[in-house]
Amino acid sequence: MQKLRQRLHKLERLSQFQPPPSSLELITDLALRSLSSEDLDILQALAKEQAADLPPRELSEPEVAACAAWETALATETQRMGLKSVAEGKVTTRQRR
């Protein structure tokens, strides 16, 4: 019986048994893939700062540019998905679940 449970647990983790990604997850994934490595590194560092609850500071030019690239990528992928805004993607995700 234990082996059967282990096999079932392994099967449940396979991608074909996972629910399909929501439109918001797809938008985010495609937007991240469209960014450069440098922008991703900068955004990751900013996210770590935010998670560490550091006091707000003024962003440098490269940081501002990386944030703008992220916003542009999100807007582009949102339009490709046929949505008007990222907020609309959040609403449709909530309705699906």
C-alpha atoms as a PDB file:
ATOM      1  CA  MET A   1       0.000   0.000   0.000  1.00  0.00           C
ATOM      2  CA  GLN A   2       2.881   2.363   0.807  1.00  0.00           C
ATOM      3  CA  LYS A   3       4.398   1.831  -2.648  1.00  0.00           C
ATOM      4  CA  LEU A   4       1.070   2.604  -4.254  1.00  0.00           C
ATOM      5  CA  ARG A   5       0.852   5.899  -2.341  1.00  0.00           C
ATOM      6  CA  GLN A   6       4.389   6.808  -3.382  1.00  0.00           C
ATOM      7  CA  ARG A   7       3.610   6.085  -7.027  1.00  0.00           C
ATOM      8  CA  LEU A   8       0.408   8.139  -6.864  1.00  0.00           C
ATOM      9  CA  HIS A   9       2.285  11.027  -5.260  1.00  0.00           C
ATOM     10  CA  LYS A  10       4.869  10.949  -8.063  1.00  0.00           C
ATOM     11  CA  LEU A  11       2.140  10.870 -10.700  1.00  0.00           C
ATOM     12  CA  GLU A  12       0.320  13.827  -9.128  1.00  0.00           C
ATOM     13  CA  ARG A  13       3.455  15.943  -9.468  1.00  0.00           C
ATOM     14  CA  LEU A  14       3.706  15.391 -13.238  1.00  0.00           C
ATOM     15  CA  SER A  15       2.918  18.433 -15.336  1.00  0.00           C
ATOM     16  CA  GLN A  16       0.087  16.793 -17.262  1.00  0.00           C
ATOM     17  CA  PHE A  17      -1.814  16.351 -13.978  1.00  0.00           C
ATOM     18  CA  GLN A  18      -1.427  19.998 -12.962  1.00  0.00           C
ATOM     19  CA  PRO A  19      -4.139  22.558 -13.724  1.00  0.00           C
ATOM     20  CA  PRO A  20      -3.414  24.713 -16.764  1.00  0.00           C
ATOM     21  CA  PRO A  21      -1.855  28.098 -15.995  1.00  0.00           C
ATOM     22  CA  SER A  22      -4.200  31.055 -15.665  1.00  0.00           C
ATOM     23  CA  SER A  23      -4.082  33.922 -18.124  1.00  0.00           C
ATOM     24  CA  LEU A  24      -2.315  36.051 -15.501  1.00  0.00           C
ATOM     25  CA  GLU A  25       0.353  33.376 -15.001  1.00  0.00           C
ATOM     26  CA  LEU A  26       0.859  33.146 -18.758  1.00  0.00           C
ATOM     27  CA  ILE A  27       1.161  36.926 -19.086  1.00  0.00           C
ATOM     28  CA  THR A  28       3.724  37.082 -16.294  1.00  0.00           C
ATOM     29  CA  ASP A  29       5.735  34.176 -17.685  1.00  0.00           C
ATOM     30  CA  LEU A  30       5.850  35.593 -21.217  1.00  0.00           C
ATOM     31  CA  ALA A  31       6.712  39.071 -19.933  1.00  0.00           C
ATOM     32  CA  LEU A  32       9.600  37.697 -17.872  1.00  0.00           C
ATOM     33  CA  ARG A  33      10.908  35.753 -20.862  1.00  0.00           C
ATOM     34  CA  SER A  34      10.986  38.923 -22.966  1.00  0.00           C
ATOM     35  CA  LEU A  35      13.239  40.845 -20.547  1.00  0.00           C
ATOM     36  CA  SER A  36      17.012  40.955 -20.819  1.00  0.00           C
ATOM     37  CA  SER A  37      19.212  39.196 -18.274  1.00  0.00           C
ATOM     38  CA  GLU A  38      20.381  42.542 -16.934  1.00  0.00           C
ATOM     39  CA  ASP A  39      16.815  43.737 -16.372  1.00  0.00           C
ATOM     40  CA  LEU A  40      15.941  40.458 -14.659  1.00  0.00           C
ATOM     41  CA  ASP A  41      18.957  40.754 -12.354  1.00  0.00           C
ATOM     42  CA  ILE A  42      18.011  44.311 -11.418  1.00  0.00           C
ATOM     43  CA  LEU A  43      14.362  43.408 -10.816  1.00  0.00           C
ATOM     44  CA  GLN A  44      15.379  40.416  -8.711  1.00  0.00           C
ATOM     45  CA  ALA A  45      17.613  42.626  -6.555  1.00  0.00           C
ATOM     46  CA  LEU A  46      14.755  45.128  -6.126  1.00  0.00           C
ATOM     47  CA  ALA A  47      12.378  42.323  -5.151  1.00  0.00           C
ATOM     48  CA  LYS A  48      14.853  41.064  -2.547  1.00  0.00           C
ATOM     49  CA  GLU A  49      15.153  44.576  -1.122  1.00  0.00           C
ATOM     50  CA  GLN A  50      11.386  44.870  -0.924  1.00  0.00           C
ATOM     51  CA  ALA A  51      11.060  41.447   0.729  1.00  0.00           C
ATOM     52  CA  ALA A  52      13.673  42.454   3.317  1.00  0.00           C
ATOM     53  CA  ASP A  53      11.505  45.463   4.278  1.00  0.00           C
ATOM     54  CA  LEU A  54      14.330  47.903   3.663  1.00  0.00           C
ATOM     55  CA  PRO A  55      13.386  51.577   3.788  1.00  0.00           C
ATOM     56  CA  PRO A  56      12.379  53.085   0.434  1.00  0.00           C
ATOM     57  CA  ARG A  57      15.107  54.776  -1.555  1.00  0.00           C
ATOM     58  CA  GLU A  58      15.416  56.601  -4.839  1.00  0.00           C
ATOM     59  CA  LEU A  59      15.956  54.257  -7.773  1.00  0.00           C
ATOM     60  CA  SER A  60      18.965  54.550 -10.046  1.00  0.00           C
ATOM     61  CA  GLU A  61      18.588  55.070 -13.799  1.00  0.00           C
ATOM     62  CA  PRO A  62      19.176  51.368 -14.634  1.00  0.00           C
ATOM     63  CA  GLU A  63      16.600  50.389 -12.001  1.00  0.00           C
ATOM     64  CA  VAL A  64      14.038  52.811 -13.410  1.00  0.00           C
ATOM     65  CA  ALA A  65      14.743  51.499 -16.914  1.00  0.00           C
ATOM     66  CA  ALA A  66      14.312  47.868 -15.755  1.00  0.00           C
ATOM     67  CA  CYS A  67      10.984  48.728 -14.093  1.00  0.00           C
ATOM     68  CA  ALA A  68       9.823  50.478 -17.266  1.00  0.00           C
ATOM     69  CA  ALA A  69      10.850  47.453 -19.357  1.00  0.00           C
ATOM     70  CA  TRP A  70       8.841  45.203 -17.024  1.00  0.00           C
ATOM     71  CA  GLU A  71       5.759  47.435 -17.284  1.00  0.00           C
ATOM     72  CA  THR A  72       6.069  47.521 -21.080  1.00  0.00           C
ATOM     73  CA  ALA A  73       6.491  43.737 -21.283  1.00  0.00           C
ATOM     74  CA  LEU A  74       3.422  43.209 -19.089  1.00  0.00           C
ATOM     75  CA  ALA A  75       1.350  45.602 -21.212  1.00  0.00           C
ATOM     76  CA  THR A  76       2.492  43.938 -24.434  1.00  0.00           C
ATOM     77  CA  GLU A  77       1.683  40.420 -23.254  1.00  0.00           C
ATOM     78  CA  THR A  78      -1.638  41.567 -21.798  1.00  0.00           C
ATOM     79  CA  GLN A  79      -2.652  42.928 -25.194  1.00  0.00           C
ATOM     80  CA  ARG A  80      -1.504  39.723 -26.914  1.00  0.00           C
ATOM     81  CA  MET A  81      -3.792  37.742 -24.605  1.00  0.00           C
ATOM     82  CA  GLY A  82      -6.690  39.951 -25.661  1.00  0.00           C
ATOM     83  CA  LEU A  83      -7.099  41.641 -22.287  1.00  0.00           C
ATOM     84  CA  LYS A  84      -7.317  45.355 -21.629  1.00  0.00           C
ATOM     85  CA  SER A  85      -5.189  45.353 -18.478  1.00  0.00           C
ATOM     86  CA  VAL A  86      -3.345  43.123 -16.025  1.00  0.00           C
ATOM     87  CA  ALA A  87      -6.151  43.817 -13.549  1.00  0.00           C
ATOM     88  CA  GLU A  88      -8.593  42.212 -15.982  1.00  0.00           C
ATOM     89  CA  GLY A  89      -6.352  39.143 -15.999  1.00  0.00           C
ATOM     90  CA  LYS A  90      -6.529  39.001 -12.206  1.00  0.00           C
ATOM     91  CA  VAL A  91     -10.323  39.186 -12.318  1.00  0.00           C
ATOM     92  CA  THR A  92     -10.609  36.408 -14.905  1.00  0.00           C
ATOM     93  CA  THR A  93      -8.220  34.265 -12.853  1.00  0.00           C
ATOM     94  CA  ARG A  94     -10.369  34.671  -9.734  1.00  0.00           C
ATOM     95  CA  GLN A  95     -13.497  33.771 -11.690  1.00  0.00           C
ATOM     96  CA  ARG A  96     -11.899  30.587 -13.017  1.00  0.00           C
ATOM     97  CA  ARG A  97     -10.977  29.188  -9.591  1.00  0.00           C
END
